[in-house]
Amino acid sequence: MPVTKSAQGALKQQQRRLKENRRTKRLYQKSIREMKKDPGEKSLSKAFSQIDRAAKKNVIHKNKAAHLKAQLSKLTVKVAKSETKDNKKSKKKKVSKPKPKSFKKSSR
């Protein structure tokens, strides 16, 4: 336990900061997990917001924030490409109508 009054105050301050930092870290990690489960524009913007907030509060380094955001963007692009491929494949599978039989004219 701290002896001096200033050391006691510093301990309280440190505990408050630790609690807030853990909360911030938990929030950005949760938003990243949600983004990986269901990638989309809404979850991407939420994850970006939480990551930027953590970097601003110095919970994570700004370069780590940039790295995480790049990974999530890449994931979103990959999912978008696979969706467009699926759409193209489904468009190609058109059912063709049977051609009517043509009758040959007899040459008499």
PDB file of N, CA and C in Angstrom:
ATOM      1  N   MET A   1       0.841  -1.187   0.000  1.00  0.00           N
ATOM      2  CA  MET A   1       0.000   0.000   0.000  1.00  0.00           C
ATOM      3  C   MET A   1       0.883   1.246   0.000  1.00  0.00           C
ATOM      4  N   PRO A   2       0.419   2.279  -0.691  1.00  0.00           N
ATOM      5  CA  PRO A   2       1.171   3.528  -0.731  1.00  0.00           C
ATOM      6  C   PRO A   2       1.164   4.206   0.653  1.00  0.00           C
ATOM      7  N   VAL A   3       2.260   4.877   0.934  1.00  0.00           N
ATOM      8  CA  VAL A   3       2.406   5.513   2.239  1.00  0.00           C
ATOM      9  C   VAL A   3       1.945   6.959   2.191  1.00  0.00           C
ATOM     10  N   THR A   4       2.465   7.728   1.253  1.00  0.00           N
ATOM     11  CA  THR A   4       2.142   9.157   1.202  1.00  0.00           C
ATOM     12  C   THR A   4       0.784   9.383   0.556  1.00  0.00           C
ATOM     13  N   LYS A   5       0.242  10.587   0.837  1.00  0.00           N
ATOM     14  CA  LYS A   5      -1.072  10.931   0.302  1.00  0.00           C
ATOM     15  C   LYS A   5      -1.036  11.026  -1.218  1.00  0.00           C
ATOM     16  N   SER A   6       0.031  11.577  -1.766  1.00  0.00           N
ATOM     17  CA  SER A   6       0.141  11.703  -3.221  1.00  0.00           C
ATOM     18  C   SER A   6       0.254  10.326  -3.891  1.00  0.00           C
ATOM     19  N   ALA A   7       0.923   9.386  -3.227  1.00  0.00           N
ATOM     20  CA  ALA A   7       1.042   8.036  -3.759  1.00  0.00           C
ATOM     21  C   ALA A   7      -0.312   7.326  -3.730  1.00  0.00           C
ATOM     22  N   GLN A   8      -1.112   7.612  -2.698  1.00  0.00           N
ATOM     23  CA  GLN A   8      -2.451   7.033  -2.633  1.00  0.00           C
ATOM     24  C   GLN A   8      -3.331   7.563  -3.767  1.00  0.00           C
ATOM     25  N   GLY A   9      -3.208   8.861  -4.015  1.00  0.00           N
ATOM     26  CA  GLY A   9      -3.964   9.475  -5.112  1.00  0.00           C
ATOM     27  C   GLY A   9      -3.535   8.918  -6.460  1.00  0.00           C
ATOM     28  N   ALA A  10      -2.226   8.717  -6.625  1.00  0.00           N
ATOM     29  CA  ALA A  10      -1.703   8.171  -7.877  1.00  0.00           C
ATOM     30  C   ALA A  10      -2.223   6.754  -8.099  1.00  0.00           C
ATOM     31  N   LEU A  11      -2.348   5.996  -7.023  1.00  0.00           N
ATOM     32  CA  LEU A  11      -2.862   4.631  -7.133  1.00  0.00           C
ATOM     33  C   LEU A  11      -4.319   4.629  -7.599  1.00  0.00           C
ATOM     34  N   LYS A  12      -5.133   5.513  -7.038  1.00  0.00           N
ATOM     35  CA  LYS A  12      -6.532   5.616  -7.448  1.00  0.00           C
ATOM     36  C   LYS A  12      -6.637   6.006  -8.926  1.00  0.00           C
ATOM     37  N   GLN A  13      -5.800   6.956  -9.295  1.00  0.00           N
ATOM     38  CA  GLN A  13      -5.796   7.430 -10.681  1.00  0.00           C
ATOM     39  C   GLN A  13      -5.396   6.296 -11.637  1.00  0.00           C
ATOM     40  N   GLN A  14      -4.384   5.544 -11.241  1.00  0.00           N
ATOM     41  CA  GLN A  14      -3.912   4.430 -12.056  1.00  0.00           C
ATOM     42  C   GLN A  14      -5.006   3.381 -12.209  1.00  0.00           C
ATOM     43  N   GLN A  15      -5.743   3.094 -11.156  1.00  0.00           N
ATOM     44  CA  GLN A  15      -6.813   2.101 -11.227  1.00  0.00           C
ATOM     45  C   GLN A  15      -7.950   2.560 -12.148  1.00  0.00           C
ATOM     46  N   ARG A  16      -8.282   3.848 -12.071  1.00  0.00           N
ATOM     47  CA  ARG A  16      -9.323   4.403 -12.953  1.00  0.00           C
ATOM     48  C   ARG A  16      -8.909   4.292 -14.418  1.00  0.00           C
ATOM     49  N   ARG A  17      -7.657   4.664 -14.693  1.00  0.00           N
ATOM     50  CA  ARG A  17      -7.154   4.612 -16.065  1.00  0.00           C
ATOM     51  C   ARG A  17      -7.103   3.177 -16.583  1.00  0.00           C
ATOM     52  N   LEU A  18      -6.686   2.249 -15.729  1.00  0.00           N
ATOM     53  CA  LEU A  18      -6.608   0.846 -16.103  1.00  0.00           C
ATOM     54  C   LEU A  18      -7.982   0.312 -16.491  1.00  0.00           C
ATOM     55  N   LYS A  19      -9.000   0.666 -15.691  1.00  0.00           N
ATOM     56  CA  LYS A  19     -10.361   0.222 -15.965  1.00  0.00           C
ATOM     57  C   LYS A  19     -10.852   0.779 -17.309  1.00  0.00           C
ATOM     58  N   GLU A  20     -10.595   2.047 -17.570  1.00  0.00           N
ATOM     59  CA  GLU A  20     -11.032   2.681 -18.825  1.00  0.00           C
ATOM     60  C   GLU A  20     -10.283   2.088 -20.028  1.00  0.00           C
ATOM     61  N   ASN A  21      -8.979   1.850 -19.862  1.00  0.00           N
ATOM     62  CA  ASN A  21      -8.198   1.267 -20.955  1.00  0.00           C
ATOM     63  C   ASN A  21      -8.670  -0.146 -21.295  1.00  0.00           C
ATOM     64  N   ARG A  22      -8.985  -0.922 -20.279  1.00  0.00           N
ATOM     65  CA  ARG A  22      -9.484  -2.281 -20.509  1.00  0.00           C
ATOM     66  C   ARG A  22     -10.823  -2.247 -21.228  1.00  0.00           C
ATOM     67  N   ARG A  23     -11.672  -1.303 -20.838  1.00  0.00           N
ATOM     68  CA  ARG A  23     -12.982  -1.156 -21.488  1.00  0.00           C
ATOM     69  C   ARG A  23     -12.798  -0.807 -22.959  1.00  0.00           C
ATOM     70  N   THR A  24     -11.915   0.137 -23.248  1.00  0.00           N
ATOM     71  CA  THR A  24     -11.660   0.559 -24.631  1.00  0.00           C
ATOM     72  C   THR A  24     -11.121  -0.600 -25.454  1.00  0.00           C
ATOM     73  N   LYS A  25     -10.192  -1.350 -24.884  1.00  0.00           N
ATOM     74  CA  LYS A  25      -9.603  -2.486 -25.583  1.00  0.00           C
ATOM     75  C   LYS A  25     -10.653  -3.559 -25.864  1.00  0.00           C
ATOM     76  N   ARG A  26     -11.486  -3.839 -24.871  1.00  0.00           N
ATOM     77  CA  ARG A  26     -12.533  -4.844 -25.025  1.00  0.00           C
ATOM     78  C   ARG A  26     -13.519  -4.431 -26.129  1.00  0.00           C
ATOM     79  N   LEU A  27     -13.851  -3.142 -26.190  1.00  0.00           N
ATOM     80  CA  LEU A  27     -14.798  -2.667 -27.194  1.00  0.00           C
ATOM     81  C   LEU A  27     -14.251  -2.798 -28.610  1.00  0.00           C
ATOM     82  N   TYR A  28     -12.986  -2.420 -28.821  1.00  0.00           N
ATOM     83  CA  TYR A  28     -12.470  -2.501 -30.189  1.00  0.00           C
ATOM     84  C   TYR A  28     -12.259  -3.953 -30.599  1.00  0.00           C
ATOM     85  N   GLN A  29     -11.892  -4.826 -29.647  1.00  0.00           N
ATOM     86  CA  GLN A  29     -11.730  -6.236 -29.989  1.00  0.00           C
ATOM     87  C   GLN A  29     -13.075  -6.890 -30.305  1.00  0.00           C
ATOM     88  N   LYS A  30     -14.110  -6.487 -29.578  1.00  0.00           N
ATOM     89  CA  LYS A  30     -15.447  -7.018 -29.827  1.00  0.00           C
ATOM     90  C   LYS A  30     -15.941  -6.583 -31.208  1.00  0.00           C
ATOM     91  N   SER A  31     -15.689  -5.332 -31.563  1.00  0.00           N
ATOM     92  CA  SER A  31     -16.143  -4.849 -32.870  1.00  0.00           C
ATOM     93  C   SER A  31     -15.394  -5.544 -34.006  1.00  0.00           C
ATOM     94  N   ILE A  32     -14.135  -5.903 -33.775  1.00  0.00           N
ATOM     95  CA  ILE A  32     -13.364  -6.633 -34.789  1.00  0.00           C
ATOM     96  C   ILE A  32     -13.929  -8.045 -34.958  1.00  0.00           C
ATOM     97  N   ARG A  33     -14.260  -8.694 -33.848  1.00  0.00           N
ATOM     98  CA  ARG A  33     -14.853 -10.041 -33.930  1.00  0.00           C
ATOM     99  C   ARG A  33     -16.182 -10.013 -34.681  1.00  0.00           C
ATOM    100  N   GLU A  34     -17.012  -9.009 -34.386  1.00  0.00           N
ATOM    101  CA  GLU A  34     -18.289  -8.886 -35.081  1.00  0.00           C
ATOM    102  C   GLU A  34     -18.080  -8.644 -36.571  1.00  0.00           C
ATOM    103  N   MET A  35     -17.071  -7.854 -36.898  1.00  0.00           N
ATOM    104  CA  MET A  35     -16.771  -7.565 -38.297  1.00  0.00           C
ATOM    105  C   MET A  35     -16.348  -8.836 -39.031  1.00  0.00           C
ATOM    106  N   LYS A  36     -15.552  -9.674 -38.373  1.00  0.00           N
ATOM    107  CA  LYS A  36     -15.094 -10.906 -39.018  1.00  0.00           C
ATOM    108  C   LYS A  36     -16.236 -11.906 -39.185  1.00  0.00           C
ATOM    109  N   LYS A  37     -17.212 -11.900 -38.257  1.00  0.00           N
ATOM    110  CA  LYS A  37     -18.358 -12.793 -38.374  1.00  0.00           C
ATOM    111  C   LYS A  37     -19.266 -12.379 -39.524  1.00  0.00           C
ATOM    112  N   ASP A  38     -19.565 -11.085 -39.589  1.00  0.00           N
ATOM    113  CA  ASP A  38     -20.500 -10.589 -40.590  1.00  0.00           C
ATOM    114  C   ASP A  38     -19.924  -9.342 -41.241  1.00  0.00           C
ATOM    115  N   PRO A  39     -19.039  -9.505 -42.241  1.00  0.00           N
ATOM    116  CA  PRO A  39     -18.432  -8.333 -42.868  1.00  0.00           C
ATOM    117  C   PRO A  39     -19.448  -7.537 -43.679  1.00  0.00           C
ATOM    118  N   GLY A  40     -19.442  -6.250 -43.454  1.00  0.00           N
ATOM    119  CA  GLY A  40     -20.340  -5.356 -44.173  1.00  0.00           C
ATOM    120  C   GLY A  40     -19.941  -3.921 -43.902  1.00  0.00           C
ATOM    121  N   GLU A  41     -20.599  -3.006 -44.580  1.00  0.00           N
ATOM    122  CA  GLU A  41     -20.245  -1.590 -44.441  1.00  0.00           C
ATOM    123  C   GLU A  41     -20.522  -1.071 -43.028  1.00  0.00           C
ATOM    124  N   LYS A  42     -21.643  -1.469 -42.461  1.00  0.00           N
ATOM    125  CA  LYS A  42     -22.014  -0.957 -41.137  1.00  0.00           C
ATOM    126  C   LYS A  42     -21.039  -1.448 -40.060  1.00  0.00           C
ATOM    127  N   SER A  43     -20.748  -2.736 -40.089  1.00  0.00           N
ATOM    128  CA  SER A  43     -19.834  -3.286 -39.082  1.00  0.00           C
ATOM    129  C   SER A  43     -18.403  -2.784 -39.311  1.00  0.00           C
ATOM    130  N   LEU A  44     -18.063  -2.512 -40.577  1.00  0.00           N
ATOM    131  CA  LEU A  44     -16.732  -1.976 -40.883  1.00  0.00           C
ATOM    132  C   LEU A  44     -16.565  -0.580 -40.293  1.00  0.00           C
ATOM    133  N   SER A  45     -17.570   0.262 -40.454  1.00  0.00           N
ATOM    134  CA  SER A  45     -17.453   1.625 -39.931  1.00  0.00           C
ATOM    135  C   SER A  45     -17.433   1.630 -38.405  1.00  0.00           C
ATOM    136  N   LYS A  46     -18.186   0.708 -37.790  1.00  0.00           N
ATOM    137  CA  LYS A  46     -18.181   0.614 -36.326  1.00  0.00           C
ATOM    138  C   LYS A  46     -16.808   0.180 -35.821  1.00  0.00           C
ATOM    139  N   ALA A  47     -16.228  -0.812 -36.502  1.00  0.00           N
ATOM    140  CA  ALA A  47     -14.904  -1.300 -36.107  1.00  0.00           C
ATOM    141  C   ALA A  47     -13.857  -0.197 -36.280  1.00  0.00           C
ATOM    142  N   PHE A  48     -13.925   0.527 -37.401  1.00  0.00           N
ATOM    143  CA  PHE A  48     -12.989   1.629 -37.630  1.00  0.00           C
ATOM    144  C   PHE A  48     -13.103   2.671 -36.532  1.00  0.00           C
ATOM    145  N   SER A  49     -14.322   2.977 -36.146  1.00  0.00           N
ATOM    146  CA  SER A  49     -14.550   3.975 -35.102  1.00  0.00           C
ATOM    147  C   SER A  49     -13.921   3.541 -33.779  1.00  0.00           C
ATOM    148  N   GLN A  50     -14.147   2.291 -33.394  1.00  0.00           N
ATOM    149  CA  GLN A  50     -13.600   1.789 -32.129  1.00  0.00           C
ATOM    150  C   GLN A  50     -12.071   1.726 -32.168  1.00  0.00           C
ATOM    151  N   ILE A  51     -11.513   1.332 -33.311  1.00  0.00           N
ATOM    152  CA  ILE A  51     -10.055   1.259 -33.432  1.00  0.00           C
ATOM    153  C   ILE A  51      -9.445   2.652 -33.347  1.00  0.00           C
ATOM    154  N   ASP A  52     -10.052   3.613 -34.039  1.00  0.00           N
ATOM    155  CA  ASP A  52      -9.552   4.995 -33.987  1.00  0.00           C
ATOM    156  C   ASP A  52      -9.630   5.567 -32.583  1.00  0.00           C
ATOM    157  N   ARG A  53     -10.702   5.239 -31.876  1.00  0.00           N
ATOM    158  CA  ARG A  53     -10.864   5.728 -30.505  1.00  0.00           C
ATOM    159  C   ARG A  53      -9.776   5.158 -29.592  1.00  0.00           C
ATOM    160  N   ALA A  54      -9.465   3.873 -29.775  1.00  0.00           N
ATOM    161  CA  ALA A  54      -8.424   3.234 -28.960  1.00  0.00           C
ATOM    162  C   ALA A  54      -7.055   3.845 -29.261  1.00  0.00           C
ATOM    163  N   ALA A  55      -6.801   4.162 -30.537  1.00  0.00           N
ATOM    164  CA  ALA A  55      -5.519   4.774 -30.903  1.00  0.00           C
ATOM    165  C   ALA A  55      -5.429   6.196 -30.345  1.00  0.00           C
ATOM    166  N   LYS A  56      -6.540   6.914 -30.378  1.00  0.00           N
ATOM    167  CA  LYS A  56      -6.546   8.291 -29.865  1.00  0.00           C
ATOM    168  C   LYS A  56      -6.264   8.324 -28.363  1.00  0.00           C
ATOM    169  N   LYS A  57      -6.777   7.320 -27.639  1.00  0.00           N
ATOM    170  CA  LYS A  57      -6.570   7.249 -26.189  1.00  0.00           C
ATOM    171  C   LYS A  57      -5.253   6.585 -25.818  1.00  0.00           C
ATOM    172  N   ASN A  58      -4.438   6.250 -26.806  1.00  0.00           N
ATOM    173  CA  ASN A  58      -3.140   5.601 -26.611  1.00  0.00           C
ATOM    174  C   ASN A  58      -3.250   4.229 -25.960  1.00  0.00           C
ATOM    175  N   VAL A  59      -4.365   3.553 -26.187  1.00  0.00           N
ATOM    176  CA  VAL A  59      -4.493   2.179 -25.721  1.00  0.00           C
ATOM    177  C   VAL A  59      -3.709   1.276 -26.664  1.00  0.00           C
ATOM    178  N   ILE A  60      -3.772   1.594 -27.972  1.00  0.00           N
ATOM    179  CA  ILE A  60      -2.961   0.896 -28.966  1.00  0.00           C
ATOM    180  C   ILE A  60      -2.186   1.940 -29.767  1.00  0.00           C
ATOM    181  N   HIS A  61      -1.119   1.508 -30.387  1.00  0.00           N
ATOM    182  CA  HIS A  61      -0.290   2.409 -31.181  1.00  0.00           C
ATOM    183  C   HIS A  61      -1.002   2.747 -32.480  1.00  0.00           C
ATOM    184  N   LYS A  62      -0.727   3.938 -33.020  1.00  0.00           N
ATOM    185  CA  LYS A  62      -1.423   4.367 -34.238  1.00  0.00           C
ATOM    186  C   LYS A  62      -1.089   3.465 -35.427  1.00  0.00           C
ATOM    187  N   ASN A  63       0.120   2.898 -35.464  1.00  0.00           N
ATOM    188  CA  ASN A  63       0.476   1.992 -36.558  1.00  0.00           C
ATOM    189  C   ASN A  63      -0.278   0.662 -36.443  1.00  0.00           C
ATOM    190  N   LYS A  64      -0.512   0.221 -35.210  1.00  0.00           N
ATOM    191  CA  LYS A  64      -1.309  -0.991 -35.021  1.00  0.00           C
ATOM    192  C   LYS A  64      -2.737  -0.741 -35.476  1.00  0.00           C
ATOM    193  N   ALA A  65      -3.241   0.444 -35.195  1.00  0.00           N
ATOM    194  CA  ALA A  65      -4.593   0.792 -35.632  1.00  0.00           C
ATOM    195  C   ALA A  65      -4.683   0.772 -37.149  1.00  0.00           C
ATOM    196  N   ALA A  66      -3.677   1.320 -37.814  1.00  0.00           N
ATOM    197  CA  ALA A  66      -3.655   1.329 -39.278  1.00  0.00           C
ATOM    198  C   ALA A  66      -3.586  -0.094 -39.820  1.00  0.00           C
ATOM    199  N   HIS A  67      -2.810  -0.938 -39.174  1.00  0.00           N
ATOM    200  CA  HIS A  67      -2.657  -2.337 -39.591  1.00  0.00           C
ATOM    201  C   HIS A  67      -3.986  -3.084 -39.467  1.00  0.00           C
ATOM    202  N   LEU A  68      -4.671  -2.890 -38.342  1.00  0.00           N
ATOM    203  CA  LEU A  68      -5.958  -3.551 -38.128  1.00  0.00           C
ATOM    204  C   LEU A  68      -6.993  -3.092 -39.152  1.00  0.00           C
ATOM    205  N   LYS A  69      -7.004  -1.794 -39.414  1.00  0.00           N
ATOM    206  CA  LYS A  69      -7.964  -1.258 -40.373  1.00  0.00           C
ATOM    207  C   LYS A  69      -7.696  -1.786 -41.778  1.00  0.00           C
ATOM    208  N   ALA A  70      -6.434  -1.937 -42.127  1.00  0.00           N
ATOM    209  CA  ALA A  70      -6.086  -2.471 -43.445  1.00  0.00           C
ATOM    210  C   ALA A  70      -6.534  -3.926 -43.565  1.00  0.00           C
ATOM    211  N   GLN A  71      -6.350  -4.710 -42.521  1.00  0.00           N
ATOM    212  CA  GLN A  71      -6.780  -6.108 -42.536  1.00  0.00           C
ATOM    213  C   GLN A  71      -8.288  -6.215 -42.720  1.00  0.00           C
ATOM    214  N   LEU A  72      -9.030  -5.384 -41.996  1.00  0.00           N
ATOM    215  CA  LEU A  72     -10.488  -5.433 -42.093  1.00  0.00           C
ATOM    216  C   LEU A  72     -10.968  -4.979 -43.461  1.00  0.00           C
ATOM    217  N   SER A  73     -10.308  -3.989 -44.034  1.00  0.00           N
ATOM    218  CA  SER A  73     -10.672  -3.520 -45.371  1.00  0.00           C
ATOM    219  C   SER A  73     -10.432  -4.622 -46.396  1.00  0.00           C
ATOM    220  N   LYS A  74      -9.321  -5.305 -46.249  1.00  0.00           N
ATOM    221  CA  LYS A  74      -8.981  -6.396 -47.169  1.00  0.00           C
ATOM    222  C   LYS A  74     -10.028  -7.503 -47.072  1.00  0.00           C
ATOM    223  N   LEU A  75     -10.474  -7.788 -45.865  1.00  0.00           N
ATOM    224  CA  LEU A  75     -11.496  -8.805 -45.654  1.00  0.00           C
ATOM    225  C   LEU A  75     -12.804  -8.406 -46.342  1.00  0.00           C
ATOM    226  N   THR A  76     -13.157  -7.148 -46.247  1.00  0.00           N
ATOM    227  CA  THR A  76     -14.380  -6.658 -46.867  1.00  0.00           C
ATOM    228  C   THR A  76     -14.297  -6.753 -48.381  1.00  0.00           C
ATOM    229  N   VAL A  77     -13.149  -6.413 -48.941  1.00  0.00           N
ATOM    230  CA  VAL A  77     -12.961  -6.488 -50.390  1.00  0.00           C
ATOM    231  C   VAL A  77     -13.052  -7.935 -50.852  1.00  0.00           C
ATOM    232  N   LYS A  78     -12.451  -8.846 -50.096  1.00  0.00           N
ATOM    233  CA  LYS A  78     -12.466 -10.263 -50.450  1.00  0.00           C
ATOM    234  C   LYS A  78     -13.904 -10.792 -50.462  1.00  0.00           C
ATOM    235  N   VAL A  79     -14.694 -10.398 -49.478  1.00  0.00           N
ATOM    236  CA  VAL A  79     -16.084 -10.848 -49.402  1.00  0.00           C
ATOM    237  C   VAL A  79     -16.890 -10.257 -50.559  1.00  0.00           C
ATOM    238  N   ALA A  80     -16.646  -8.993 -50.875  1.00  0.00           N
ATOM    239  CA  ALA A  80     -17.366  -8.349 -51.972  1.00  0.00           C
ATOM    240  C   ALA A  80     -17.055  -9.026 -53.302  1.00  0.00           C
ATOM    241  N   LYS A  81     -15.794  -9.403 -53.516  1.00  0.00           N
ATOM    242  CA  LYS A  81     -15.415 -10.081 -54.753  1.00  0.00           C
ATOM    243  C   LYS A  81     -16.099 -11.435 -54.865  1.00  0.00           C
ATOM    244  N   SER A  82     -16.145 -12.177 -53.766  1.00  0.00           N
ATOM    245  CA  SER A  82     -16.772 -13.493 -53.807  1.00  0.00           C
ATOM    246  C   SER A  82     -18.272 -13.372 -54.067  1.00  0.00           C
ATOM    247  N   GLU A  83     -18.895 -12.321 -53.551  1.00  0.00           N
ATOM    248  CA  GLU A  83     -20.326 -12.115 -53.798  1.00  0.00           C
ATOM    249  C   GLU A  83     -20.577 -11.808 -55.265  1.00  0.00           C
ATOM    250  N   THR A  84     -19.716 -10.996 -55.885  1.00  0.00           N
ATOM    251  CA  THR A  84     -19.913 -10.673 -57.294  1.00  0.00           C
ATOM    252  C   THR A  84     -19.685 -11.900 -58.166  1.00  0.00           C
ATOM    253  N   LYS A  85     -18.744 -12.754 -57.786  1.00  0.00           N
ATOM    254  CA  LYS A  85     -18.525 -13.988 -58.540  1.00  0.00           C
ATOM    255  C   LYS A  85     -19.759 -14.882 -58.463  1.00  0.00           C
ATOM    256  N   ASP A  86     -20.348 -14.972 -57.265  1.00  0.00           N
ATOM    257  CA  ASP A  86     -21.552 -15.780 -57.099  1.00  0.00           C
ATOM    258  C   ASP A  86     -22.692 -15.232 -57.953  1.00  0.00           C
ATOM    259  N   ASN A  87     -22.808 -13.908 -58.004  1.00  0.00           N
ATOM    260  CA  ASN A  87     -23.855 -13.292 -58.805  1.00  0.00           C
ATOM    261  C   ASN A  87     -23.641 -13.575 -60.285  1.00  0.00           C
ATOM    262  N   LYS A  88     -22.395 -13.525 -60.742  1.00  0.00           N
ATOM    263  CA  LYS A  88     -22.099 -13.786 -62.150  1.00  0.00           C
ATOM    264  C   LYS A  88     -22.418 -15.228 -62.502  1.00  0.00           C
ATOM    265  N   LYS A  89     -22.080 -16.141 -61.598  1.00  0.00           N
ATOM    266  CA  LYS A  89     -22.356 -17.550 -61.858  1.00  0.00           C
ATOM    267  C   LYS A  89     -23.860 -17.793 -61.947  1.00  0.00           C
ATOM    268  N   SER A  90     -24.616 -17.165 -61.080  1.00  0.00           N
ATOM    269  CA  SER A  90     -26.058 -17.380 -61.098  1.00  0.00           C
ATOM    270  C   SER A  90     -26.686 -16.757 -62.351  1.00  0.00           C
ATOM    271  N   LYS A  91     -26.112 -15.694 -62.875  1.00  0.00           N
ATOM    272  CA  LYS A  91     -26.633 -15.067 -64.080  1.00  0.00           C
ATOM    273  C   LYS A  91     -26.373 -15.935 -65.306  1.00  0.00           C
ATOM    274  N   LYS A  92     -25.276 -16.669 -65.319  1.00  0.00           N
ATOM    275  CA  LYS A  92     -24.918 -17.491 -66.459  1.00  0.00           C
ATOM    276  C   LYS A  92     -25.850 -18.696 -66.601  1.00  0.00           C
ATOM    277  N   LYS A  93     -26.438 -19.151 -65.544  1.00  0.00           N
ATOM    278  CA  LYS A  93     -27.268 -20.345 -65.565  1.00  0.00           C
ATOM    279  C   LYS A  93     -28.695 -20.012 -66.000  1.00  0.00           C
ATOM    280  N   LYS A  94     -28.844 -19.548 -67.218  1.00  0.00           N
ATOM    281  CA  LYS A  94     -30.168 -19.279 -67.743  1.00  0.00           C
ATOM    282  C   LYS A  94     -30.713 -20.553 -68.374  1.00  0.00           C
ATOM    283  N   VAL A  95     -31.969 -20.752 -68.189  1.00  0.00           N
ATOM    284  CA  VAL A  95     -32.612 -21.925 -68.765  1.00  0.00           C
ATOM    285  C   VAL A  95     -33.018 -21.566 -70.183  1.00  0.00           C
ATOM    286  N   SER A  96     -32.523 -22.334 -71.118  1.00  0.00           N
ATOM    287  CA  SER A  96     -32.857 -22.046 -72.513  1.00  0.00           C
ATOM    288  C   SER A  96     -34.156 -22.745 -72.885  1.00  0.00           C
ATOM    289  N   LYS A  97     -34.918 -22.056 -73.691  1.00  0.00           N
ATOM    290  CA  LYS A  97     -36.193 -22.614 -74.139  1.00  0.00           C
ATOM    291  C   LYS A  97     -35.915 -23.618 -75.245  1.00  0.00           C
ATOM    292  N   PRO A  98     -36.703 -24.658 -75.299  1.00  0.00           N
ATOM    293  CA  PRO A  98     -36.498 -25.623 -76.385  1.00  0.00           C
ATOM    294  C   PRO A  98     -36.867 -24.977 -77.727  1.00  0.00           C
ATOM    295  N   LYS A  99     -36.046 -25.245 -78.713  1.00  0.00           N
ATOM    296  CA  LYS A  99     -36.274 -24.656 -80.025  1.00  0.00           C
ATOM    297  C   LYS A  99     -37.425 -25.395 -80.710  1.00  0.00           C
ATOM    298  N   PRO A 100     -38.276 -24.650 -81.376  1.00  0.00           N
ATOM    299  CA  PRO A 100     -39.362 -25.326 -82.086  1.00  0.00           C
ATOM    300  C   PRO A 100     -38.801 -26.129 -83.252  1.00  0.00           C
ATOM    301  N   LYS A 101     -39.449 -27.238 -83.507  1.00  0.00           N
ATOM    302  CA  LYS A 101     -38.976 -28.083 -84.603  1.00  0.00           C
ATOM    303  C   LYS A 101     -39.292 -27.402 -85.929  1.00  0.00           C
ATOM    304  N   SER A 102     -38.293 -27.413 -86.770  1.00  0.00           N
ATOM    305  CA  SER A 102     -38.533 -26.821 -88.079  1.00  0.00           C
ATOM    306  C   SER A 102     -38.880 -27.918 -89.073  1.00  0.00           C
ATOM    307  N   PHE A 103     -39.853 -27.658 -89.887  1.00  0.00           N
ATOM    308  CA  PHE A 103     -40.287 -28.634 -90.871  1.00  0.00           C
ATOM    309  C   PHE A 103     -39.623 -28.327 -92.205  1.00  0.00           C
ATOM    310  N   LYS A 104     -39.114 -29.345 -92.807  1.00  0.00           N
ATOM    311  CA  LYS A 104     -38.494 -29.181 -94.115  1.00  0.00           C
ATOM    312  C   LYS A 104     -39.568 -29.149 -95.175  1.00  0.00           C
ATOM    313  N   LYS A 105     -39.389 -28.239 -96.072  1.00  0.00           N
ATOM    314  CA  LYS A 105     -40.334 -28.183 -97.188  1.00  0.00           C
ATOM    315  C   LYS A 105     -39.954 -29.259 -98.191  1.00  0.00           C
ATOM    316  N   SER A 106     -40.894 -30.005 -98.571  1.00  0.00           N
ATOM    317  CA  SER A 106     -40.598 -31.045 -99.548  1.00  0.00           C
ATOM    318  C   SER A 106     -40.554 -30.437-100.947  1.00  0.00           C
ATOM    319  N   SER A 107     -39.612 -30.849-101.694  1.00  0.00           N
ATOM    320  CA  SER A 107     -39.477 -30.301-103.033  1.00  0.00           C
ATOM    321  C   SER A 107     -40.181 -31.216-104.037  1.00  0.00           C
ATOM    322  N   ARG A 108     -41.407 -30.995-104.307  1.00  0.00           N
ATOM    323  CA  ARG A 108     -42.175 -31.798-105.241  1.00  0.00           C
ATOM    324  C   ARG A 108     -42.589 -31.030-106.400  1.00  0.00           C
TER     325      ARG A 108
END
